[in-house]
């Protein structure tokens, strides 16, 4: 049977079972721990944390729970949904199972549809079998066609129809396995087929590597890089907007130093920022080489990281305030200046050559300006210094 038909069967797993017993009396049972020990003349429906069926069901049997065990025959169809499912008795109709661990130990005269993490079928399926599982095992063959999607798949017994497999791991046939139809499988490696195994209809193998090829890897790398850049820019925008909005006086003080008419003052501020950003790592390394200076070096690493971060953020705020002064004739720093300035700076840095150079000059100037302001705050010589923070 075609794969499309199997997919259609899988999509209908939650539909009501056959209507052959719909007209008979139906029983509904629900309990935390349920033991169905009395036979049902029609359809039976059960729900509970633990469901155990020990009496025959003349119609369909549907059960939902944490664990389900069917130890009595079902004359109709079976629909079992649970974390752990064990079907230990004959099912005269179709058996549809959805669960984590699935075990089918007896004959299924209709079709078998199972979706789970692990499926172990040691019964005999007369109809079609459709399995989706991480690990699937067929121990007793099957009378009808078999379709399996999974990771590791093991087969043994007598299979009278075609076996169609799509695996992302290993496909293994046990010794003396017989497949009277075709073995069609798609997997990264060829199946393990012992000499005693027989495939009468022939073998069709399709090599399928689930690792991305070179083209796909490049696309994934570009997507990852784009996501990283987007996340970095978005985070910088938020932080710059918060700093500009929460500490506008400090941002205005940094901006005032950039708009001074004295070129010497600008160069000295940039030189101070450059010296600190370059000399501080050397000092930290020298301190870390001494036993006494290890603790101090750790503290300086944290301070240096904060200085580098704030210098970068205030570089964007400074650029945004430059635009505000130039086009809006406004000297006050607003939160949107930080957002727009950081956005512009992030886009400018993508331009080779000039972009990183502009970022470098703005960052070392911001570092020098921040250090000067913090020094004046610690050792005040100006009345307005404390108002900036």
Protein backbone atom coordinates (compact mmCIF):
# COMPACT_ATOMS: atom_id res chain seq x y z
CA UNK A 1 0.00 0.00 0.00
CA UNK A 2 1.29 3.47 -0.85
CA UNK A 3 2.92 5.73 1.73
CA UNK A 4 0.20 8.35 1.22
CA UNK A 5 -2.41 5.89 2.40
CA UNK A 6 -0.37 5.12 5.51
CA UNK A 7 -0.07 8.82 6.30
CA UNK A 8 -3.83 9.13 5.92
CA UNK A 9 -4.26 6.28 8.37
CA UNK A 10 -1.89 7.94 10.85
CA UNK A 11 -3.73 11.26 10.63
CA UNK A 12 -6.98 9.50 11.55
CA UNK A 13 -5.65 7.93 14.73
CA UNK A 14 -7.90 9.99 17.00
CA UNK A 15 -11.02 9.47 14.92
CA UNK A 16 -13.67 7.18 16.38
CA UNK A 17 -13.10 3.50 15.80
CA UNK A 18 -15.27 1.43 13.52
CA UNK A 19 -18.98 1.99 13.63
CA UNK A 20 -19.80 -1.69 13.51
CA UNK A 21 -20.55 -1.77 17.22
CA UNK A 22 -21.87 1.75 17.47
CA UNK A 23 -25.42 0.60 17.86
CA UNK A 24 -24.62 -1.70 20.79
CA UNK A 25 -24.53 -0.72 24.41
CA UNK A 26 -21.43 1.33 25.28
CA UNK A 27 -19.77 1.47 28.69
CA UNK A 28 -17.85 4.43 30.08
CA UNK A 29 -15.47 3.98 32.99
CA UNK A 30 -13.15 6.54 34.59
CA UNK A 31 -11.07 6.24 37.74
CA UNK A 32 -7.61 6.99 39.05
CA UNK A 33 -6.67 3.31 39.06
CA UNK A 34 -9.01 1.34 36.82
CA UNK A 35 -9.37 -2.45 36.53
CA UNK A 36 -11.89 -3.42 33.84
CA UNK A 37 -12.74 -6.97 34.94
CA UNK A 38 -16.27 -7.28 33.50
CA UNK A 39 -16.92 -7.94 29.85
CA UNK A 40 -18.55 -5.30 27.67
CA UNK A 41 -21.27 -6.24 25.11
CA UNK A 42 -20.48 -3.17 23.01
CA UNK A 43 -17.90 -0.44 22.82
CA UNK A 44 -15.92 0.32 25.98
CA UNK A 45 -14.28 3.62 26.93
CA UNK A 46 -11.90 3.91 29.85
CA UNK A 47 -9.77 6.67 31.35
CA UNK A 48 -7.46 6.73 34.33
CA UNK A 49 -3.92 7.05 35.57
CA UNK A 50 -3.61 3.28 35.32
CA UNK A 51 -5.96 1.22 33.14
CA UNK A 52 -5.92 -2.60 33.04
CA UNK A 53 -8.35 -4.54 30.83
CA UNK A 54 -8.90 -8.15 31.96
CA UNK A 55 -12.34 -8.89 30.44
CA UNK A 56 -13.22 -9.29 26.75
CA UNK A 57 -14.75 -6.37 24.83
CA UNK A 58 -17.31 -7.25 22.15
CA UNK A 59 -16.93 -3.92 20.35
CA UNK A 60 -14.26 -1.25 20.20
CA UNK A 61 -12.03 -0.39 23.12
CA UNK A 62 -10.72 3.16 23.65
CA UNK A 63 -8.54 4.05 26.64
CA UNK A 64 -6.66 7.12 27.79
CA UNK A 65 -4.30 7.15 30.77
CA UNK A 66 -0.83 7.17 32.21
CA UNK A 67 -0.33 3.45 31.60
CA UNK A 68 -2.58 0.99 29.79
CA UNK A 69 -2.46 -2.80 29.77
CA UNK A 70 -4.92 -4.85 27.70
CA UNK A 71 -4.90 -8.50 28.84
CA UNK A 72 -8.22 -9.51 27.25
CA UNK A 73 -9.26 -9.77 23.57
CA UNK A 74 -10.97 -6.90 21.77
CA UNK A 75 -13.44 -7.87 19.06
CA UNK A 76 -13.44 -4.44 17.44
CA UNK A 77 -10.82 -1.74 17.07
CA UNK A 78 -8.47 -0.52 19.75
CA UNK A 79 -7.50 3.09 20.43
CA UNK A 80 -4.91 3.42 23.21
CA UNK A 81 -3.30 6.70 24.28
CA UNK A 82 -0.92 6.66 27.26
CA UNK A 83 2.63 7.14 28.39
CA UNK A 84 3.12 3.37 28.53
CA UNK A 85 0.99 0.97 26.46
CA UNK A 86 1.11 -2.82 26.53
CA UNK A 87 -1.27 -4.78 24.27
CA UNK A 88 -1.12 -8.41 25.47
CA UNK A 89 -4.26 -9.80 23.86
CA UNK A 90 -5.68 -10.30 20.39
CA UNK A 91 -7.29 -7.36 18.59
CA UNK A 92 -9.74 -8.39 15.89
CA UNK A 93 -9.88 -4.98 14.23
CA UNK A 94 -7.41 -2.16 13.84
CA UNK A 95 -5.10 -1.10 16.66
CA UNK A 96 -4.11 2.57 16.98
CA UNK A 97 -1.63 3.48 19.67
CA UNK A 98 -0.04 6.75 20.76
CA UNK A 99 2.41 6.66 23.66
CA UNK A 100 5.93 6.85 24.96
CA UNK A 101 6.70 3.15 25.31
CA UNK A 102 4.54 0.82 23.18
CA UNK A 103 4.55 -2.96 23.27
CA UNK A 104 2.30 -5.14 21.09
CA UNK A 105 2.58 -8.81 22.04
CA UNK A 106 -0.39 -10.51 20.35
CA UNK A 107 -2.07 -10.74 16.96
CA UNK A 108 -3.68 -7.71 15.32
CA UNK A 109 -6.03 -8.85 12.55
CA UNK A 110 -6.50 -5.35 11.14
CA UNK A 111 -4.04 -2.51 10.67
CA UNK A 112 -1.50 -1.37 13.24
CA UNK A 113 -0.73 2.33 13.62
CA UNK A 114 1.72 3.23 16.38
CA UNK A 115 3.35 6.56 17.21
CA UNK A 116 5.77 6.59 20.15
CA UNK A 117 9.31 6.90 21.40
CA UNK A 118 9.84 3.15 21.32
CA UNK A 119 7.66 0.54 19.61
CA UNK A 120 8.22 -3.17 20.15
CA UNK A 121 5.92 -5.43 18.13
CA UNK A 122 6.26 -9.11 18.86
CA UNK A 123 2.74 -9.94 17.69
CA UNK A 124 1.57 -10.68 14.17
CA UNK A 125 -0.16 -7.95 12.16
CA UNK A 126 -2.44 -9.20 9.40
CA UNK A 127 -3.11 -5.81 7.84
CA UNK A 128 -0.93 -2.81 7.18
CA UNK A 129 1.62 -1.57 9.72
CA UNK A 130 2.57 2.09 10.05
CA UNK A 131 5.11 2.97 12.74
CA UNK A 132 6.70 6.27 13.75
CA UNK A 133 9.18 5.85 16.60
CA UNK A 134 12.68 6.71 17.72
CA UNK A 135 13.39 2.99 18.07
CA UNK A 136 11.23 0.34 16.44
CA UNK A 137 11.47 -3.45 16.70
CA UNK A 138 9.47 -6.06 14.73
CA UNK A 139 10.16 -9.48 16.27
CA UNK A 140 7.59 -11.67 14.54
CA UNK A 141 7.32 -10.29 11.04
CA UNK A 142 4.03 -9.16 9.52
CA UNK A 143 1.45 -10.44 7.06
CA UNK A 144 0.87 -7.09 5.36
CA UNK A 145 3.00 -4.19 4.15
CA UNK A 146 5.14 -2.41 6.75
CA UNK A 147 6.14 1.26 6.81
CA UNK A 148 8.47 2.55 9.53
CA UNK A 149 9.84 6.02 10.21
CA UNK A 150 12.39 6.12 12.97
CA UNK A 151 15.97 6.22 14.17
CA UNK A 152 17.15 2.67 14.90
CA UNK A 153 15.02 -0.09 13.37
CA UNK A 154 15.36 -3.86 13.89
CA UNK A 155 13.47 -6.53 11.95
CA UNK A 156 13.10 -10.27 12.41
CA UNK A 157 10.61 -12.93 11.38
CA UNK A 158 8.64 -13.54 8.20
CA UNK A 159 7.40 -10.44 6.34
CA UNK A 160 4.96 -11.36 3.58
CA UNK A 161 4.64 -7.87 2.07
CA UNK A 162 6.89 -4.95 1.24
CA UNK A 163 8.90 -3.24 3.98
CA UNK A 164 9.42 0.51 3.54
CA UNK A 165 11.79 2.22 5.99
CA UNK A 166 13.04 5.77 6.51
CA UNK A 167 15.71 5.79 9.23
CA UNK A 168 18.09 8.36 10.61
CA UNK A 169 20.16 5.69 12.36
CA UNK A 170 20.74 1.96 11.86
CA UNK A 171 18.62 -0.63 10.06
CA UNK A 172 19.25 -4.19 11.22
CA UNK A 173 17.85 -7.54 10.08
CA UNK A 174 18.14 -10.50 12.44
CA UNK A 175 19.44 -13.85 11.17
CA UNK A 176 16.91 -15.97 9.24
CA UNK A 177 14.67 -12.96 8.56
CA UNK A 178 12.56 -13.40 5.43
CA UNK A 179 11.05 -10.52 3.46
CA UNK A 180 8.93 -11.87 0.62
CA UNK A 181 8.28 -8.45 -0.86
CA UNK A 182 10.70 -5.58 -1.42
CA UNK A 183 12.95 -3.96 1.16
CA UNK A 184 12.98 -0.24 0.41
CA UNK A 185 14.92 1.80 2.91
CA UNK A 186 16.50 5.21 3.25
CA UNK A 187 19.27 5.61 5.84
CA UNK A 188 22.71 7.15 6.33
CA UNK A 189 24.40 3.71 6.09
CA UNK A 190 23.55 0.42 4.49
CA UNK A 191 21.51 -2.01 6.56
CA UNK A 192 23.05 -4.85 8.52
CA UNK A 193 21.80 -7.92 6.64
CA UNK A 194 23.23 -11.32 7.66
CA UNK A 195 23.79 -14.02 5.07
CA UNK A 196 20.96 -16.14 6.47
CA UNK A 197 18.42 -13.34 5.87
CA UNK A 198 16.44 -13.44 2.63
CA UNK A 199 14.83 -10.60 0.67
CA UNK A 200 12.89 -12.16 -2.20
CA UNK A 201 11.56 -8.96 -3.79
CA UNK A 202 14.91 -7.22 -3.90
CA UNK A 203 16.52 -4.35 -2.01
CA UNK A 204 16.39 -0.67 -2.89
CA UNK A 205 18.67 1.52 -0.80
CA UNK A 206 18.77 5.31 -0.81
CA UNK A 207 21.66 6.96 0.97
CA UNK A 208 20.42 9.84 3.11
CA UNK A 209 22.82 11.93 5.14
CA UNK A 210 20.98 14.07 7.66
CA UNK A 211 23.97 16.34 8.10
CA UNK A 212 23.60 19.56 6.09
CA UNK A 213 25.60 19.86 2.90
CA UNK A 214 27.95 22.74 2.12
CA UNK A 215 25.24 24.96 0.66
CA UNK A 216 22.87 24.35 3.53
CA UNK A 217 25.66 24.94 6.04
CA UNK A 218 26.41 28.30 4.48
CA UNK A 219 22.75 29.29 4.60
CA UNK A 220 22.51 28.22 8.25
CA UNK A 221 25.69 30.15 9.04
CA UNK A 222 24.32 33.28 7.39
CA UNK A 223 21.01 32.93 9.22
CA UNK A 224 22.82 32.43 12.53
CA UNK A 225 25.05 35.42 11.87
CA UNK A 226 22.05 37.56 10.97
CA UNK A 227 20.23 36.51 14.13
CA UNK A 228 23.32 37.24 16.22
CA UNK A 229 23.70 40.70 14.69
CA UNK A 230 20.01 41.44 15.18
CA UNK A 231 20.14 40.35 18.84
CA UNK A 232 23.31 42.37 19.45
CA UNK A 233 21.92 45.51 17.85
CA UNK A 234 18.59 45.16 19.65
CA UNK A 235 20.32 44.72 23.02
CA UNK A 236 22.56 47.71 22.38
CA UNK A 237 19.54 49.84 21.41
CA UNK A 238 17.72 48.96 24.62
CA UNK A 239 20.73 49.61 26.86
CA UNK A 240 21.60 52.90 25.14
CA UNK A 241 18.02 54.10 25.42
CA UNK A 242 17.91 53.19 29.12
CA UNK A 243 21.19 54.98 29.90
CA UNK A 244 20.17 58.09 28.00
CA UNK A 245 16.75 58.13 29.67
CA UNK A 246 17.88 57.32 33.22
CA UNK A 247 21.06 59.44 33.32
CA UNK A 248 20.49 62.37 30.93
CA UNK A 249 22.87 64.70 32.84
CA UNK A 250 25.76 62.28 32.44
CA UNK A 251 25.00 61.87 28.73
CA UNK A 252 24.85 65.67 28.32
CA UNK A 253 28.20 66.01 30.11
CA UNK A 254 29.84 63.54 27.70
CA UNK A 255 28.25 65.35 24.76
CA UNK A 256 29.41 68.76 26.02
CA UNK A 257 33.00 67.56 26.05
CA UNK A 258 32.65 66.50 22.43
CA UNK A 259 31.35 69.91 21.35
CA UNK A 260 34.09 71.97 22.90
CA UNK A 261 35.95 74.40 20.71
CA UNK A 262 39.36 73.33 22.03
CA UNK A 263 40.94 70.70 19.81
CA UNK A 264 43.57 70.05 22.48
CA UNK A 265 40.88 69.04 24.97
CA UNK A 266 39.35 66.62 22.48
CA UNK A 267 42.70 65.00 21.75
CA UNK A 268 43.58 64.69 25.43
CA UNK A 269 40.24 63.05 26.18
CA UNK A 270 40.71 60.56 23.35
CA UNK A 271 44.30 59.89 24.43
CA UNK A 272 43.15 59.20 28.01
CA UNK A 273 40.51 56.76 26.81
CA UNK A 274 42.96 55.03 24.49
CA UNK A 275 45.58 54.74 27.23
CA UNK A 276 43.15 53.20 29.71
CA UNK A 277 41.64 50.75 27.24
CA UNK A 278 45.10 49.60 26.11
CA UNK A 279 47.10 49.82 29.36
CA UNK A 280 44.50 48.29 31.68
CA UNK A 281 44.75 44.74 30.21
CA UNK A 282 48.54 44.84 30.60
CA UNK A 283 48.21 45.91 34.23
CA UNK A 284 45.62 43.18 34.88
CA UNK A 285 47.93 40.50 33.44
CA UNK A 286 50.87 41.70 35.57
CA UNK A 287 48.73 41.67 38.71
CA UNK A 288 47.40 38.20 37.93
CA UNK A 289 50.98 36.87 37.87
CA UNK A 290 51.38 37.71 41.55
CA UNK A 291 49.64 35.86 44.35
CA UNK A 292 48.67 39.06 46.15
CA UNK A 293 47.31 40.75 43.05
CA UNK A 294 44.96 37.97 41.85
CA UNK A 295 41.96 39.32 43.74
CA UNK A 296 42.65 42.87 42.58
CA UNK A 297 43.06 41.68 38.99
CA UNK A 298 39.62 40.02 39.08
CA UNK A 299 38.07 43.26 40.33
CA UNK A 300 39.86 45.23 37.62
CA UNK A 301 38.60 42.80 34.96
CA UNK A 302 35.02 43.52 36.02
CA UNK A 303 35.63 47.27 36.07
CA UNK A 304 37.36 47.16 32.70
CA UNK A 305 34.45 45.19 31.17
CA UNK A 306 31.98 47.77 32.53
CA UNK A 307 34.09 50.64 31.20
CA UNK A 308 34.32 49.07 27.74
CA UNK A 309 30.56 48.41 27.69
CA UNK A 310 29.59 51.91 28.84
CA UNK A 311 32.11 53.49 26.44
CA UNK A 312 30.50 51.65 23.54
CA UNK A 313 26.98 52.59 24.64
CA UNK A 314 27.83 56.24 25.23
CA UNK A 315 29.49 56.31 21.82
CA UNK A 316 26.05 55.62 20.35
CA UNK A 317 24.41 58.17 22.66
CA UNK A 318 27.02 60.73 21.63
CA UNK A 319 26.37 60.09 17.94
CA UNK A 320 22.60 60.40 18.48
CA UNK A 321 23.04 63.72 20.31
CA UNK A 322 25.24 64.99 17.48
CA UNK A 323 22.37 64.34 15.08
CA UNK A 324 19.94 66.07 17.47
CA UNK A 325 22.20 69.16 17.74
CA UNK A 326 22.79 69.27 14.00
CA UNK A 327 19.29 68.72 12.66
CA UNK A 328 16.92 69.45 15.58
CA UNK A 329 18.95 72.22 17.23
CA UNK A 330 18.44 70.51 20.58
CA UNK A 331 21.17 70.08 23.18
CA UNK A 332 19.22 68.07 25.77
CA UNK A 333 19.72 64.31 25.57
CA UNK A 334 16.57 62.17 25.31
CA UNK A 335 16.22 58.41 25.41
CA UNK A 336 15.46 58.27 21.71
CA UNK A 337 18.81 59.89 20.98
CA UNK A 338 20.47 56.83 22.47
CA UNK A 339 18.31 54.45 20.46
CA UNK A 340 18.71 56.25 17.13
CA UNK A 341 22.40 56.94 17.69
CA UNK A 342 23.14 53.31 18.59
CA UNK A 343 21.17 52.12 15.55
CA UNK A 344 23.15 54.45 13.30
CA UNK A 345 26.44 53.40 14.90
CA UNK A 346 25.61 49.69 14.54
CA UNK A 347 24.85 50.17 10.85
CA UNK A 348 27.91 52.34 10.25
CA UNK A 349 30.22 49.73 11.78
CA UNK A 350 29.10 47.29 9.07
CA UNK A 351 30.84 49.50 6.49
CA UNK A 352 34.40 48.18 6.00
CA UNK A 353 37.20 50.54 6.93
CA UNK A 354 35.47 53.78 7.86
CA UNK A 355 32.82 52.16 10.11
CA UNK A 356 35.14 50.44 12.60
CA UNK A 357 37.42 53.50 12.60
CA UNK A 358 34.55 55.82 13.57
CA UNK A 359 33.49 53.36 16.28
CA UNK A 360 37.05 53.29 17.61
CA UNK A 361 37.34 57.10 17.89
CA UNK A 362 33.91 57.53 19.46
CA UNK A 363 34.55 54.71 21.93
CA UNK A 364 37.94 55.96 23.16
CA UNK A 365 36.54 59.49 23.44
CA UNK A 366 33.59 58.22 25.49
CA UNK A 367 35.97 56.22 27.70
CA UNK A 368 38.13 59.28 28.32
CA UNK A 369 35.11 61.50 29.01
CA UNK A 370 33.58 58.98 31.43
CA UNK A 371 36.85 58.57 33.31
CA UNK A 372 37.24 62.34 33.62
CA UNK A 373 33.69 62.76 34.91
CA UNK A 374 34.04 59.92 37.42
CA UNK A 375 37.39 61.29 38.60
CA UNK A 376 35.87 64.73 39.14
CA UNK A 377 32.98 63.10 40.99
CA UNK A 378 35.38 61.26 43.31
CA UNK A 379 37.64 64.27 43.74
CA UNK A 380 35.28 67.20 43.11
CA UNK A 381 36.73 70.39 41.76
CA UNK A 382 33.57 71.60 40.06
CA UNK A 383 30.23 72.32 41.65
CA UNK A 384 28.22 70.72 38.87
CA UNK A 385 30.05 67.41 38.80
CA UNK A 386 27.70 65.68 41.27
CA UNK A 387 24.68 66.79 39.24
CA UNK A 388 25.89 64.90 36.21
CA UNK A 389 25.40 61.48 37.82
